[in-house]
Amino acid sequence: QVQLVESGGDLVQPGSSLRLSCTATGVSFSDYRIGWFRQAPGKEREGISYISRDGGIQYYADSVKGRFTISRDNAKLTVYLQMNSLKSEDTAVYYCAAVPDDGKYGGSLYLRSGTYDHWGQGTQVTVSS
């Protein structure tokens, strides 16, 4: 059974940076593609980024491209989301999710929540002055 735990959420000011972590247990971590999603109050869950099992494929939604960077350390069973130049509209609960990696590019398919099998419980990010 795959278990994912997000951490790193906080209350920060606009323009600040934050790094989220997604740590896995109970899984061959390097076999999984990991995605980051977020959900703001009253809004649908939004896929914002994903990374392939070896880190060779990284994909970003337009809303975060150029500000967020996804990376992974398979030895630590962890995927990171470095978030820079945070805006108030980045306020949301952030979730990571995992799916076995088929090795294909996939494009925006992996920004769809239904693609993923396993989810973490989420971590709150609040951007406010």
Protein backbone atom coordinates (compact mmCIF):
# COMPACT_ATOMS: atom_id res chain seq x y z
CA GLN A 1 0.00 0.00 0.00
CA VAL A 2 1.38 3.38 -1.02
CA GLN A 3 1.32 6.09 1.60
CA LEU A 4 2.17 9.70 0.83
CA VAL A 5 2.77 12.46 3.35
CA GLU A 6 3.03 16.12 2.38
CA SER A 7 4.80 18.69 4.52
CA GLY A 8 6.15 22.21 4.32
CA GLY A 9 2.95 24.21 4.08
CA ASP A 10 2.92 27.55 5.87
CA LEU A 11 1.59 31.09 5.99
CA VAL A 12 3.86 33.36 3.93
CA GLN A 13 3.78 36.82 2.41
CA PRO A 14 3.36 37.50 -1.31
CA GLY A 15 6.66 37.22 -3.15
CA SER A 16 8.03 34.66 -0.70
CA SER A 17 9.29 31.16 -1.39
CA LEU A 18 8.31 27.83 0.11
CA ARG A 19 9.35 24.23 -0.47
CA LEU A 20 6.87 21.41 -0.11
CA SER A 21 7.88 17.79 0.37
CA CYS A 22 6.04 14.60 -0.48
CA THR A 23 7.49 11.52 1.22
CA ALA A 24 6.39 7.98 0.37
CA THR A 25 6.37 4.74 2.29
CA GLY A 26 5.34 1.20 1.41
CA VAL A 27 6.24 1.45 -2.25
CA SER A 28 9.02 1.06 -4.78
CA PHE A 29 9.18 4.82 -5.01
CA SER A 30 11.31 4.94 -8.13
CA ASP A 31 8.58 3.09 -10.08
CA TYR A 32 6.07 5.90 -9.58
CA ARG A 33 5.26 9.16 -11.30
CA ILE A 34 4.40 11.84 -8.76
CA GLY A 35 2.07 14.75 -9.28
CA TRP A 36 1.30 17.87 -7.27
CA PHE A 37 -2.23 19.22 -7.09
CA ARG A 38 -3.88 22.02 -5.20
CA GLN A 39 -7.39 22.92 -4.19
CA ALA A 40 -8.52 26.36 -3.12
CA PRO A 41 -11.78 26.89 -1.19
CA GLY A 42 -14.74 26.63 -3.49
CA LYS A 43 -12.64 25.56 -6.46
CA GLU A 44 -11.90 22.29 -8.20
CA ARG A 45 -8.66 20.44 -7.60
CA GLU A 46 -6.00 21.68 -10.03
CA GLY A 47 -3.04 19.69 -11.30
CA ILE A 48 0.04 21.90 -11.26
CA SER A 49 3.08 19.69 -11.87
CA TYR A 50 4.39 16.17 -12.17
CA ILE A 51 7.68 14.36 -12.43
CA SER A 52 8.54 11.01 -13.96
CA ARG A 53 10.12 8.20 -11.97
CA ASP A 54 13.67 9.10 -12.96
CA GLY A 55 13.10 12.85 -12.95
CA GLY A 56 13.63 13.08 -16.69
CA ILE A 57 10.14 14.40 -17.41
CA GLN A 58 8.86 17.46 -15.59
CA TYR A 59 5.63 19.17 -16.52
CA TYR A 60 3.97 22.33 -15.26
CA ALA A 61 0.61 23.96 -15.56
CA ASP A 62 0.69 27.44 -17.06
CA SER A 63 -0.42 28.89 -13.73
CA VAL A 64 2.89 27.93 -12.07
CA LYS A 65 5.33 27.65 -14.96
CA GLY A 66 8.47 29.68 -14.34
CA ARG A 67 7.75 30.03 -10.60
CA PHE A 68 7.54 26.44 -9.34
CA THR A 69 10.12 23.67 -9.74
CA ILE A 70 9.53 19.98 -9.13
CA SER A 71 12.34 17.58 -8.26
CA ARG A 72 12.82 14.23 -6.60
CA ASP A 73 15.33 12.31 -4.55
CA ASN A 74 14.57 8.62 -4.94
CA ALA A 75 17.08 7.68 -2.26
CA LYS A 76 15.03 9.74 0.21
CA LEU A 77 11.68 8.62 -1.24
CA THR A 78 10.76 12.28 -1.58
CA VAL A 79 9.49 14.66 -4.23
CA TYR A 80 9.87 18.40 -3.71
CA LEU A 81 7.95 21.38 -5.01
CA GLN A 82 9.95 24.59 -4.80
CA MET A 83 7.55 27.52 -5.01
CA ASN A 84 8.93 30.99 -5.69
CA SER A 85 7.29 34.38 -6.18
CA LEU A 86 4.19 33.21 -4.38
CA LYS A 87 0.93 35.04 -5.01
CA SER A 88 -2.30 35.21 -3.03
CA GLU A 89 -3.93 33.06 -5.69
CA ASP A 90 -1.50 30.24 -4.80
CA THR A 91 -3.35 29.86 -1.50
CA ALA A 92 -4.70 26.30 -1.36
CA VAL A 93 -4.31 22.87 0.14
CA TYR A 94 -1.53 21.14 -1.77
CA TYR A 95 -1.64 17.41 -2.40
CA CYS A 96 0.78 14.95 -3.91
CA ALA A 97 -0.33 11.83 -5.73
CA ALA A 98 1.33 8.73 -7.19
CA VAL A 99 0.74 6.44 -10.13
CA PRO A 100 2.91 3.67 -11.61
CA ASP A 101 5.06 5.24 -14.30
CA ASP A 102 4.54 3.80 -17.78
CA GLY A 103 7.54 5.68 -19.15
CA LYS A 104 5.48 7.68 -21.65
CA TYR A 105 5.54 11.46 -21.88
CA GLY A 106 1.83 11.85 -21.20
CA GLY A 107 1.58 15.61 -21.51
CA SER A 108 -1.32 17.14 -19.62
CA LEU A 109 -2.82 13.69 -18.90
CA TYR A 110 -0.84 13.58 -15.69
CA LEU A 111 -2.35 16.86 -14.52
CA ARG A 112 -5.71 15.11 -14.24
CA SER A 113 -6.55 13.89 -10.75
CA GLY A 114 -8.27 10.77 -12.09
CA THR A 115 -4.95 9.53 -13.47
CA TYR A 116 -3.57 8.91 -9.98
CA ASP A 117 -4.10 5.97 -7.66
CA HIS A 118 -2.71 7.21 -4.37
CA TRP A 119 -3.03 10.51 -2.54
CA GLY A 120 -1.61 12.25 0.48
CA GLN A 121 -3.65 14.14 3.05
CA GLY A 122 -2.56 17.60 1.93
CA THR A 123 -0.69 20.55 3.39
CA GLN A 124 -2.03 24.10 3.65
CA VAL A 125 -0.27 26.97 1.90
CA THR A 126 -1.55 30.45 2.65
CA VAL A 127 -0.12 33.48 0.90
CA SER A 128 -1.23 36.68 2.55
CA SER A 129 0.15 40.00 3.73
